[in-house]
Amino acid sequence: MPNKVEDQEFLSLLVKALVNHPEDVRIERRVDEMGVLLTLHVNPSDMGQIIGRQGATAKAIRSLIRIVGIKGNSRVNLKIEEPGGGTPSNDELRRRAEGFGD
């Protein structure tokens, strides 16, 4: 399994470079038989920057995290936690990425 520095710290550095409120970035790390799950929490106003247009930024971040996991012979997945706790619809993600509100 990759250690904390190889996955959680990498994600922290990457996300903090993208957001306007780096002090609000929080990452939880859980390891089970399926691999490593990193859960990302950011300031609600930064969600659009993390998701990106049509989810492109989130997809790129997930790809990079998986590469870090492969390097450490582990499966690493990323969950981006919604500020309200719910999972947004594709239409809602698209509106957020285009800057049309929460």
PDB file of N, CA and C in Angstrom:
ATOM      1  N   MET A   1       0.832  -1.183   0.000  1.00  0.00           N
ATOM      2  CA  MET A   1       0.000   0.000   0.000  1.00  0.00           C
ATOM      3  C   MET A   1       0.880   1.253   0.000  1.00  0.00           C
ATOM      4  N   PRO A   2       0.472   2.267  -0.772  1.00  0.00           N
ATOM      5  CA  PRO A   2       1.242   3.502  -0.711  1.00  0.00           C
ATOM      6  C   PRO A   2       1.114   4.108   0.673  1.00  0.00           C
ATOM      7  N   ASN A   3       2.172   4.748   1.108  1.00  0.00           N
ATOM      8  CA  ASN A   3       2.063   5.369   2.417  1.00  0.00           C
ATOM      9  C   ASN A   3       1.395   6.722   2.295  1.00  0.00           C
ATOM     10  N   LYS A   4       1.137   7.335   3.419  1.00  0.00           N
ATOM     11  CA  LYS A   4       0.402   8.580   3.475  1.00  0.00           C
ATOM     12  C   LYS A   4       1.056   9.675   2.633  1.00  0.00           C
ATOM     13  N   VAL A   5       2.365   9.716   2.628  1.00  0.00           N
ATOM     14  CA  VAL A   5       3.074  10.755   1.885  1.00  0.00           C
ATOM     15  C   VAL A   5       2.847  10.596   0.388  1.00  0.00           C
ATOM     16  N   GLU A   6       2.801   9.387  -0.087  1.00  0.00           N
ATOM     17  CA  GLU A   6       2.697   9.154  -1.516  1.00  0.00           C
ATOM     18  C   GLU A   6       1.322   9.429  -2.097  1.00  0.00           C
ATOM     19  N   ASP A   7       0.274   9.289  -1.357  1.00  0.00           N
ATOM     20  CA  ASP A   7      -1.047   9.550  -1.923  1.00  0.00           C
ATOM     21  C   ASP A   7      -1.743  10.753  -1.285  1.00  0.00           C
ATOM     22  N   GLN A   8      -1.888  10.755   0.008  1.00  0.00           N
ATOM     23  CA  GLN A   8      -2.619  11.835   0.672  1.00  0.00           C
ATOM     24  C   GLN A   8      -1.887  13.179   0.544  1.00  0.00           C
ATOM     25  N   GLU A   9      -0.590  13.183   0.728  1.00  0.00           N
ATOM     26  CA  GLU A   9       0.168  14.428   0.623  1.00  0.00           C
ATOM     27  C   GLU A   9       0.203  14.935  -0.816  1.00  0.00           C
ATOM     28  N   PHE A  10       0.326  14.025  -1.775  1.00  0.00           N
ATOM     29  CA  PHE A  10       0.297  14.417  -3.179  1.00  0.00           C
ATOM     30  C   PHE A  10      -1.030  15.094  -3.509  1.00  0.00           C
ATOM     31  N   LEU A  11      -2.134  14.476  -3.087  1.00  0.00           N
ATOM     32  CA  LEU A  11      -3.452  15.042  -3.336  1.00  0.00           C
ATOM     33  C   LEU A  11      -3.593  16.398  -2.649  1.00  0.00           C
ATOM     34  N   SER A  12      -3.111  16.507  -1.439  1.00  0.00           N
ATOM     35  CA  SER A  12      -3.190  17.764  -0.710  1.00  0.00           C
ATOM     36  C   SER A  12      -2.460  18.883  -1.447  1.00  0.00           C
ATOM     37  N   LEU A  13      -1.243  18.623  -1.881  1.00  0.00           N
ATOM     38  CA  LEU A  13      -0.479  19.637  -2.605  1.00  0.00           C
ATOM     39  C   LEU A  13      -1.164  20.030  -3.910  1.00  0.00           C
ATOM     40  N   LEU A  14      -1.670  19.047  -4.628  1.00  0.00           N
ATOM     41  CA  LEU A  14      -2.320  19.290  -5.906  1.00  0.00           C
ATOM     42  C   LEU A  14      -3.578  20.147  -5.727  1.00  0.00           C
ATOM     43  N   VAL A  15      -4.442  19.753  -4.801  1.00  0.00           N
ATOM     44  CA  VAL A  15      -5.707  20.448  -4.604  1.00  0.00           C
ATOM     45  C   VAL A  15      -5.485  21.852  -4.043  1.00  0.00           C
ATOM     46  N   LYS A  16      -4.577  21.991  -3.096  1.00  0.00           N
ATOM     47  CA  LYS A  16      -4.324  23.312  -2.513  1.00  0.00           C
ATOM     48  C   LYS A  16      -3.804  24.299  -3.550  1.00  0.00           C
ATOM     49  N   ALA A  17      -3.136  23.804  -4.583  1.00  0.00           N
ATOM     50  CA  ALA A  17      -2.662  24.674  -5.660  1.00  0.00           C
ATOM     51  C   ALA A  17      -3.802  25.131  -6.571  1.00  0.00           C
ATOM     52  N   LEU A  18      -4.929  24.413  -6.559  1.00  0.00           N
ATOM     53  CA  LEU A  18      -6.045  24.723  -7.447  1.00  0.00           C
ATOM     54  C   LEU A  18      -7.112  25.620  -6.831  1.00  0.00           C
ATOM     55  N   VAL A  19      -7.263  25.573  -5.523  1.00  0.00           N
ATOM     56  CA  VAL A  19      -8.398  26.233  -4.867  1.00  0.00           C
ATOM     57  C   VAL A  19      -8.053  27.623  -4.344  1.00  0.00           C
ATOM     58  N   ASN A  20      -9.089  28.399  -4.041  1.00  0.00           N
ATOM     59  CA  ASN A  20      -8.918  29.732  -3.461  1.00  0.00           C
ATOM     60  C   ASN A  20      -8.823  29.709  -1.941  1.00  0.00           C
ATOM     61  N   HIS A  21      -9.275  28.607  -1.333  1.00  0.00           N
ATOM     62  CA  HIS A  21      -9.267  28.481   0.131  1.00  0.00           C
ATOM     63  C   HIS A  21      -8.489  27.222   0.525  1.00  0.00           C
ATOM     64  N   PRO A  22      -7.159  27.228   0.372  1.00  0.00           N
ATOM     65  CA  PRO A  22      -6.379  26.016   0.682  1.00  0.00           C
ATOM     66  C   PRO A  22      -6.448  25.609   2.150  1.00  0.00           C
ATOM     67  N   GLU A  23      -6.756  26.549   3.013  1.00  0.00           N
ATOM     68  CA  GLU A  23      -6.847  26.227   4.441  1.00  0.00           C
ATOM     69  C   GLU A  23      -8.053  25.340   4.750  1.00  0.00           C
ATOM     70  N   ASP A  24      -9.024  25.281   3.839  1.00  0.00           N
ATOM     71  CA  ASP A  24     -10.218  24.466   4.049  1.00  0.00           C
ATOM     72  C   ASP A  24     -10.111  23.064   3.457  1.00  0.00           C
ATOM     73  N   VAL A  25      -9.001  22.760   2.809  1.00  0.00           N
ATOM     74  CA  VAL A  25      -8.821  21.438   2.198  1.00  0.00           C
ATOM     75  C   VAL A  25      -8.573  20.413   3.298  1.00  0.00           C
ATOM     76  N   ARG A  26      -9.367  19.348   3.277  1.00  0.00           N
ATOM     77  CA  ARG A  26      -9.220  18.259   4.252  1.00  0.00           C
ATOM     78  C   ARG A  26      -9.351  16.943   3.502  1.00  0.00           C
ATOM     79  N   ILE A  27      -8.464  16.011   3.803  1.00  0.00           N
ATOM     80  CA  ILE A  27      -8.470  14.718   3.129  1.00  0.00           C
ATOM     81  C   ILE A  27      -8.489  13.611   4.167  1.00  0.00           C
ATOM     82  N   GLU A  28      -9.469  12.719   4.035  1.00  0.00           N
ATOM     83  CA  GLU A  28      -9.544  11.544   4.901  1.00  0.00           C
ATOM     84  C   GLU A  28      -9.022  10.356   4.107  1.00  0.00           C
ATOM     85  N   ARG A  29      -8.271   9.496   4.760  1.00  0.00           N
ATOM     86  CA  ARG A  29      -7.692   8.319   4.104  1.00  0.00           C
ATOM     87  C   ARG A  29      -8.166   7.064   4.806  1.00  0.00           C
ATOM     88  N   ARG A  30      -8.743   6.143   4.032  1.00  0.00           N
ATOM     89  CA  ARG A  30      -9.239   4.880   4.603  1.00  0.00           C
ATOM     90  C   ARG A  30      -8.687   3.728   3.768  1.00  0.00           C
ATOM     91  N   VAL A  31      -8.181   2.731   4.441  1.00  0.00           N
ATOM     92  CA  VAL A  31      -7.631   1.552   3.775  1.00  0.00           C
ATOM     93  C   VAL A  31      -8.476   0.343   4.147  1.00  0.00           C
ATOM     94  N   ASP A  32      -8.870  -0.432   3.127  1.00  0.00           N
ATOM     95  CA  ASP A  32      -9.581  -1.681   3.366  1.00  0.00           C
ATOM     96  C   ASP A  32      -9.140  -2.702   2.328  1.00  0.00           C
ATOM     97  N   GLU A  33      -9.877  -3.800   2.227  1.00  0.00           N
ATOM     98  CA  GLU A  33      -9.477  -4.873   1.296  1.00  0.00           C
ATOM     99  C   GLU A  33      -9.575  -4.446  -0.160  1.00  0.00           C
ATOM    100  N   MET A  34     -10.325  -3.384  -0.446  1.00  0.00           N
ATOM    101  CA  MET A  34     -10.471  -2.883  -1.813  1.00  0.00           C
ATOM    102  C   MET A  34      -9.339  -1.946  -2.212  1.00  0.00           C
ATOM    103  N   GLY A  35      -8.580  -1.459  -1.247  1.00  0.00           N
ATOM    104  CA  GLY A  35      -7.493  -0.529  -1.516  1.00  0.00           C
ATOM    105  C   GLY A  35      -7.597   0.693  -0.624  1.00  0.00           C
ATOM    106  N   VAL A  36      -7.195   1.830  -1.169  1.00  0.00           N
ATOM    107  CA  VAL A  36      -7.179   3.089  -0.424  1.00  0.00           C
ATOM    108  C   VAL A  36      -8.277   3.986  -0.982  1.00  0.00           C
ATOM    109  N   LEU A  37      -9.047   4.591  -0.090  1.00  0.00           N
ATOM    110  CA  LEU A  37     -10.046   5.565  -0.490  1.00  0.00           C
ATOM    111  C   LEU A  37      -9.675   6.900   0.138  1.00  0.00           C
ATOM    112  N   LEU A  38      -9.446   7.901  -0.707  1.00  0.00           N
ATOM    113  CA  LEU A  38      -9.186   9.253  -0.249  1.00  0.00           C
ATOM    114  C   LEU A  38     -10.471  10.054  -0.449  1.00  0.00           C
ATOM    115  N   THR A  39     -10.946  10.674   0.623  1.00  0.00           N
ATOM    116  CA  THR A  39     -12.147  11.488   0.557  1.00  0.00           C
ATOM    117  C   THR A  39     -11.729  12.938   0.704  1.00  0.00           C
ATOM    118  N   LEU A  40     -12.057  13.734  -0.306  1.00  0.00           N
ATOM    119  CA  LEU A  40     -11.643  15.133  -0.366  1.00  0.00           C
ATOM    120  C   LEU A  40     -12.778  16.048   0.055  1.00  0.00           C
ATOM    121  N   HIS A  41     -12.480  16.960   0.964  1.00  0.00           N
ATOM    122  CA  HIS A  41     -13.425  17.986   1.411  1.00  0.00           C
ATOM    123  C   HIS A  41     -12.790  19.343   1.104  1.00  0.00           C
ATOM    124  N   VAL A  42     -13.535  20.213   0.413  1.00  0.00           N
ATOM    125  CA  VAL A  42     -13.046  21.554   0.117  1.00  0.00           C
ATOM    126  C   VAL A  42     -14.127  22.567   0.464  1.00  0.00           C
ATOM    127  N   ASN A  43     -13.765  23.831   0.467  1.00  0.00           N
ATOM    128  CA  ASN A  43     -14.707  24.910   0.675  1.00  0.00           C
ATOM    129  C   ASN A  43     -15.763  24.841  -0.429  1.00  0.00           C
ATOM    130  N   PRO A  44     -17.038  25.014  -0.086  1.00  0.00           N
ATOM    131  CA  PRO A  44     -18.091  24.927  -1.110  1.00  0.00           C
ATOM    132  C   PRO A  44     -17.860  25.833  -2.315  1.00  0.00           C
ATOM    133  N   SER A  45     -17.256  26.991  -2.109  1.00  0.00           N
ATOM    134  CA  SER A  45     -17.013  27.899  -3.234  1.00  0.00           C
ATOM    135  C   SER A  45     -15.910  27.395  -4.162  1.00  0.00           C
ATOM    136  N   ASP A  46     -15.147  26.400  -3.741  1.00  0.00           N
ATOM    137  CA  ASP A  46     -14.067  25.836  -4.557  1.00  0.00           C
ATOM    138  C   ASP A  46     -14.481  24.585  -5.329  1.00  0.00           C
ATOM    139  N   MET A  47     -15.714  24.127  -5.149  1.00  0.00           N
ATOM    140  CA  MET A  47     -16.140  22.887  -5.802  1.00  0.00           C
ATOM    141  C   MET A  47     -16.046  22.966  -7.320  1.00  0.00           C
ATOM    142  N   GLY A  48     -16.408  24.090  -7.895  1.00  0.00           N
ATOM    143  CA  GLY A  48     -16.336  24.238  -9.346  1.00  0.00           C
ATOM    144  C   GLY A  48     -14.928  24.101  -9.875  1.00  0.00           C
ATOM    145  N   GLN A  49     -13.950  24.600  -9.123  1.00  0.00           N
ATOM    146  CA  GLN A  49     -12.555  24.494  -9.544  1.00  0.00           C
ATOM    147  C   GLN A  49     -12.064  23.049  -9.472  1.00  0.00           C
ATOM    148  N   ILE A  50     -12.533  22.311  -8.509  1.00  0.00           N
ATOM    149  CA  ILE A  50     -12.113  20.914  -8.359  1.00  0.00           C
ATOM    150  C   ILE A  50     -12.802  20.030  -9.387  1.00  0.00           C
ATOM    151  N   ILE A  51     -14.073  20.291  -9.656  1.00  0.00           N
ATOM    152  CA  ILE A  51     -14.808  19.476 -10.614  1.00  0.00           C
ATOM    153  C   ILE A  51     -14.389  19.825 -12.040  1.00  0.00           C
ATOM    154  N   GLY A  52     -14.290  21.106 -12.349  1.00  0.00           N
ATOM    155  CA  GLY A  52     -13.908  21.535 -13.688  1.00  0.00           C
ATOM    156  C   GLY A  52     -15.056  21.437 -14.668  1.00  0.00           C
ATOM    157  N   ARG A  53     -14.813  21.905 -15.859  1.00  0.00           N
ATOM    158  CA  ARG A  53     -15.834  21.891 -16.904  1.00  0.00           C
ATOM    159  C   ARG A  53     -16.144  20.456 -17.292  1.00  0.00           C
ATOM    160  N   GLN A  54     -17.396  20.064 -17.130  1.00  0.00           N
ATOM    161  CA  GLN A  54     -17.888  18.714 -17.409  1.00  0.00           C
ATOM    162  C   GLN A  54     -17.092  17.633 -16.676  1.00  0.00           C
ATOM    163  N   GLY A  55     -16.553  17.993 -15.505  1.00  0.00           N
ATOM    164  CA  GLY A  55     -15.845  17.022 -14.678  1.00  0.00           C
ATOM    165  C   GLY A  55     -14.426  16.726 -15.106  1.00  0.00           C
ATOM    166  N   ALA A  56     -13.886  17.520 -16.025  1.00  0.00           N
ATOM    167  CA  ALA A  56     -12.552  17.239 -16.572  1.00  0.00           C
ATOM    168  C   ALA A  56     -11.453  17.321 -15.520  1.00  0.00           C
ATOM    169  N   THR A  57     -11.519  18.311 -14.634  1.00  0.00           N
ATOM    170  CA  THR A  57     -10.477  18.454 -13.612  1.00  0.00           C
ATOM    171  C   THR A  57     -10.543  17.296 -12.623  1.00  0.00           C
ATOM    172  N   ALA A  58     -11.747  16.945 -12.180  1.00  0.00           N
ATOM    173  CA  ALA A  58     -11.903  15.823 -11.253  1.00  0.00           C
ATOM    174  C   ALA A  58     -11.384  14.530 -11.880  1.00  0.00           C
ATOM    175  N   LYS A  59     -11.669  14.325 -13.147  1.00  0.00           N
ATOM    176  CA  LYS A  59     -11.195  13.126 -13.837  1.00  0.00           C
ATOM    177  C   LYS A  59      -9.665  13.106 -13.899  1.00  0.00           C
ATOM    178  N   ALA A  60      -9.062  14.245 -14.175  1.00  0.00           N
ATOM    179  CA  ALA A  60      -7.603  14.318 -14.231  1.00  0.00           C
ATOM    180  C   ALA A  60      -6.979  14.058 -12.864  1.00  0.00           C
ATOM    181  N   ILE A  61      -7.571  14.621 -11.814  1.00  0.00           N
ATOM    182  CA  ILE A  61      -7.061  14.391 -10.455  1.00  0.00           C
ATOM    183  C   ILE A  61      -7.152  12.905 -10.114  1.00  0.00           C
ATOM    184  N   ARG A  62      -8.273  12.275 -10.445  1.00  0.00           N
ATOM    185  CA  ARG A  62      -8.438  10.838 -10.172  1.00  0.00           C
ATOM    186  C   ARG A  62      -7.391  10.013 -10.924  1.00  0.00           C
ATOM    187  N   SER A  63      -7.118  10.390 -12.155  1.00  0.00           N
ATOM    188  CA  SER A  63      -6.100   9.670 -12.938  1.00  0.00           C
ATOM    189  C   SER A  63      -4.731   9.778 -12.290  1.00  0.00           C
ATOM    190  N   LEU A  64      -4.378  10.975 -11.842  1.00  0.00           N
ATOM    191  CA  LEU A  64      -3.081  11.163 -11.190  1.00  0.00           C
ATOM    192  C   LEU A  64      -2.991  10.366  -9.892  1.00  0.00           C
ATOM    193  N   ILE A  65      -4.081  10.351  -9.122  1.00  0.00           N
ATOM    194  CA  ILE A  65      -4.089   9.594  -7.863  1.00  0.00           C
ATOM    195  C   ILE A  65      -3.937   8.099  -8.140  1.00  0.00           C
ATOM    196  N   ARG A  66      -4.584   7.607  -9.180  1.00  0.00           N
ATOM    197  CA  ARG A  66      -4.438   6.189  -9.537  1.00  0.00           C
ATOM    198  C   ARG A  66      -3.004   5.865  -9.925  1.00  0.00           C
ATOM    199  N   ILE A  67      -2.353   6.778 -10.625  1.00  0.00           N
ATOM    200  CA  ILE A  67      -0.951   6.570 -11.006  1.00  0.00           C
ATOM    201  C   ILE A  67      -0.067   6.474  -9.771  1.00  0.00           C
ATOM    202  N   VAL A  68      -0.318   7.340  -8.788  1.00  0.00           N
ATOM    203  CA  VAL A  68       0.432   7.268  -7.527  1.00  0.00           C
ATOM    204  C   VAL A  68       0.208   5.904  -6.879  1.00  0.00           C
ATOM    205  N   GLY A  69      -1.026   5.417  -6.930  1.00  0.00           N
ATOM    206  CA  GLY A  69      -1.330   4.102  -6.364  1.00  0.00           C
ATOM    207  C   GLY A  69      -0.627   2.984  -7.099  1.00  0.00           C
ATOM    208  N   ILE A  70      -0.620   3.043  -8.425  1.00  0.00           N
ATOM    209  CA  ILE A  70       0.062   2.012  -9.216  1.00  0.00           C
ATOM    210  C   ILE A  70       1.541   1.971  -8.869  1.00  0.00           C
ATOM    211  N   LYS A  71       2.131   3.131  -8.700  1.00  0.00           N
ATOM    212  CA  LYS A  71       3.546   3.203  -8.312  1.00  0.00           C
ATOM    213  C   LYS A  71       3.789   2.477  -6.989  1.00  0.00           C
ATOM    214  N   GLY A  72       2.817   2.539  -6.090  1.00  0.00           N
ATOM    215  CA  GLY A  72       2.933   1.882  -4.792  1.00  0.00           C
ATOM    216  C   GLY A  72       2.272   0.516  -4.734  1.00  0.00           C
ATOM    217  N   ASN A  73       1.933  -0.058  -5.914  1.00  0.00           N
ATOM    218  CA  ASN A  73       1.291  -1.378  -5.991  1.00  0.00           C
ATOM    219  C   ASN A  73      -0.010  -1.445  -5.202  1.00  0.00           C
ATOM    220  N   SER A  74      -0.833  -0.410  -5.353  1.00  0.00           N
ATOM    221  CA  SER A  74      -2.101  -0.370  -4.644  1.00  0.00           C
ATOM    222  C   SER A  74      -3.155   0.297  -5.509  1.00  0.00           C
ATOM    223  N   ARG A  75      -4.397   0.068  -5.159  1.00  0.00           N
ATOM    224  CA  ARG A  75      -5.512   0.723  -5.840  1.00  0.00           C
ATOM    225  C   ARG A  75      -5.937   1.906  -4.977  1.00  0.00           C
ATOM    226  N   VAL A  76      -5.849   3.106  -5.538  1.00  0.00           N
ATOM    227  CA  VAL A  76      -6.226   4.322  -4.815  1.00  0.00           C
ATOM    228  C   VAL A  76      -7.364   4.988  -5.568  1.00  0.00           C
ATOM    229  N   ASN A  77      -8.446   5.279  -4.857  1.00  0.00           N
ATOM    230  CA  ASN A  77      -9.598   5.955  -5.434  1.00  0.00           C
ATOM    231  C   ASN A  77      -9.848   7.259  -4.699  1.00  0.00           C
ATOM    232  N   LEU A  78     -10.490   8.186  -5.404  1.00  0.00           N
ATOM    233  CA  LEU A  78     -10.799   9.494  -4.837  1.00  0.00           C
ATOM    234  C   LEU A  78     -12.298   9.713  -4.827  1.00  0.00           C
ATOM    235  N   LYS A  79     -12.800  10.144  -3.685  1.00  0.00           N
ATOM    236  CA  LYS A  79     -14.197  10.544  -3.548  1.00  0.00           C
ATOM    237  C   LYS A  79     -14.190  12.028  -3.215  1.00  0.00           C
ATOM    238  N   ILE A  80     -14.919  12.807  -3.993  1.00  0.00           N
ATOM    239  CA  ILE A  80     -15.031  14.240  -3.735  1.00  0.00           C
ATOM    240  C   ILE A  80     -16.337  14.458  -2.995  1.00  0.00           C
ATOM    241  N   GLU A  81     -16.224  14.850  -1.745  1.00  0.00           N
ATOM    242  CA  GLU A  81     -17.394  14.997  -0.875  1.00  0.00           C
ATOM    243  C   GLU A  81     -18.105  16.311  -1.158  1.00  0.00           C
ATOM    244  N   GLU A  82     -19.398  16.216  -1.394  1.00  0.00           N
ATOM    245  CA  GLU A  82     -20.224  17.398  -1.611  1.00  0.00           C
ATOM    246  C   GLU A  82     -20.392  18.143  -0.297  1.00  0.00           C
ATOM    247  N   PRO A  83     -20.367  19.468  -0.295  1.00  0.00           N
ATOM    248  CA  PRO A  83     -20.528  20.236   0.949  1.00  0.00           C
ATOM    249  C   PRO A  83     -21.818  19.908   1.698  1.00  0.00           C
ATOM    250  N   GLY A  84     -22.916  19.639   0.958  1.00  0.00           N
ATOM    251  CA  GLY A  84     -24.181  19.304   1.600  1.00  0.00           C
ATOM    252  C   GLY A  84     -24.284  17.831   1.933  1.00  0.00           C
ATOM    253  N   GLY A  85     -23.308  17.035   1.520  1.00  0.00           N
ATOM    254  CA  GLY A  85     -23.313  15.612   1.800  1.00  0.00           C
ATOM    255  C   GLY A  85     -23.960  14.778   0.724  1.00  0.00           C
ATOM    256  N   GLY A  86     -24.652  15.410  -0.240  1.00  0.00           N
ATOM    257  CA  GLY A  86     -25.322  14.672  -1.299  1.00  0.00           C
ATOM    258  C   GLY A  86     -24.449  14.534  -2.528  1.00  0.00           C
ATOM    259  N   THR A  87     -24.897  13.698  -3.437  1.00  0.00           N
ATOM    260  CA  THR A  87     -24.201  13.541  -4.697  1.00  0.00           C
ATOM    261  C   THR A  87     -24.953  14.335  -5.754  1.00  0.00           C
ATOM    262  N   PRO A  88     -24.278  15.283  -6.428  1.00  0.00           N
ATOM    263  CA  PRO A  88     -24.974  16.117  -7.396  1.00  0.00           C
ATOM    264  C   PRO A  88     -25.264  15.366  -8.690  1.00  0.00           C
ATOM    265  N   SER A  89     -26.277  15.831  -9.398  1.00  0.00           N
ATOM    266  CA  SER A  89     -26.587  15.259 -10.702  1.00  0.00           C
ATOM    267  C   SER A  89     -25.591  15.779 -11.727  1.00  0.00           C
ATOM    268  N   ASN A  90     -25.546  15.143 -12.896  1.00  0.00           N
ATOM    269  CA  ASN A  90     -24.656  15.612 -13.957  1.00  0.00           C
ATOM    270  C   ASN A  90     -24.993  17.034 -14.368  1.00  0.00           C
ATOM    271  N   ASP A  91     -26.290  17.377 -14.431  1.00  0.00           N
ATOM    272  CA  ASP A  91     -26.697  18.732 -14.785  1.00  0.00           C
ATOM    273  C   ASP A  91     -26.209  19.744 -13.753  1.00  0.00           C
ATOM    274  N   GLU A  92     -26.299  19.359 -12.484  1.00  0.00           N
ATOM    275  CA  GLU A  92     -25.837  20.253 -11.423  1.00  0.00           C
ATOM    276  C   GLU A  92     -24.329  20.444 -11.511  1.00  0.00           C
ATOM    277  N   LEU A  93     -23.576  19.386 -11.765  1.00  0.00           N
ATOM    278  CA  LEU A  93     -22.131  19.494 -11.926  1.00  0.00           C
ATOM    279  C   LEU A  93     -21.782  20.408 -13.100  1.00  0.00           C
ATOM    280  N   ARG A  94     -22.513  20.269 -14.185  1.00  0.00           N
ATOM    281  CA  ARG A  94     -22.262  21.086 -15.364  1.00  0.00           C
ATOM    282  C   ARG A  94     -22.539  22.563 -15.060  1.00  0.00           C
ATOM    283  N   ARG A  95     -23.644  22.860 -14.349  1.00  0.00           N
ATOM    284  CA  ARG A  95     -23.950  24.245 -13.987  1.00  0.00           C
ATOM    285  C   ARG A  95     -22.867  24.825 -13.095  1.00  0.00           C
ATOM    286  N   ARG A  96     -22.412  24.051 -12.140  1.00  0.00           N
ATOM    287  CA  ARG A  96     -21.349  24.524 -11.245  1.00  0.00           C
ATOM    288  C   ARG A  96     -20.068  24.782 -12.003  1.00  0.00           C
ATOM    289  N   ALA A  97     -19.716  23.875 -12.897  1.00  0.00           N
ATOM    290  CA  ALA A  97     -18.490  24.031 -13.674  1.00  0.00           C
ATOM    291  C   ALA A  97     -18.553  25.276 -14.554  1.00  0.00           C
ATOM    292  N   GLU A  98     -19.756  25.620 -15.001  1.00  0.00           N
ATOM    293  CA  GLU A  98     -19.926  26.803 -15.854  1.00  0.00           C
ATOM    294  C   GLU A  98     -20.149  28.058 -15.033  1.00  0.00           C
ATOM    295  N   GLY A  99     -20.177  27.926 -13.709  1.00  0.00           N
ATOM    296  CA  GLY A  99     -20.293  29.096 -12.830  1.00  0.00           C
ATOM    297  C   GLY A  99     -21.699  29.590 -12.613  1.00  0.00           C
ATOM    298  N   PHE A 100     -22.705  28.705 -12.740  1.00  0.00           N
ATOM    299  CA  PHE A 100     -24.087  29.128 -12.569  1.00  0.00           C
ATOM    300  C   PHE A 100     -24.661  28.729 -11.228  1.00  0.00           C
ATOM    301  N   GLY A 101     -23.879  28.771 -10.178  1.00  0.00           N
ATOM    302  CA  GLY A 101     -24.433  28.625  -8.835  1.00  0.00           C
ATOM    303  C   GLY A 101     -24.293  27.268  -8.204  1.00  0.00           C
ATOM    304  N   ASP A 102     -24.594  27.270  -6.900  1.00  0.00           N
ATOM    305  CA  ASP A 102     -24.540  26.055  -6.077  1.00  0.00           C
ATOM    306  C   ASP A 102     -25.851  25.341  -6.101  1.00  0.00           C
TER     307      ASP A 102
END
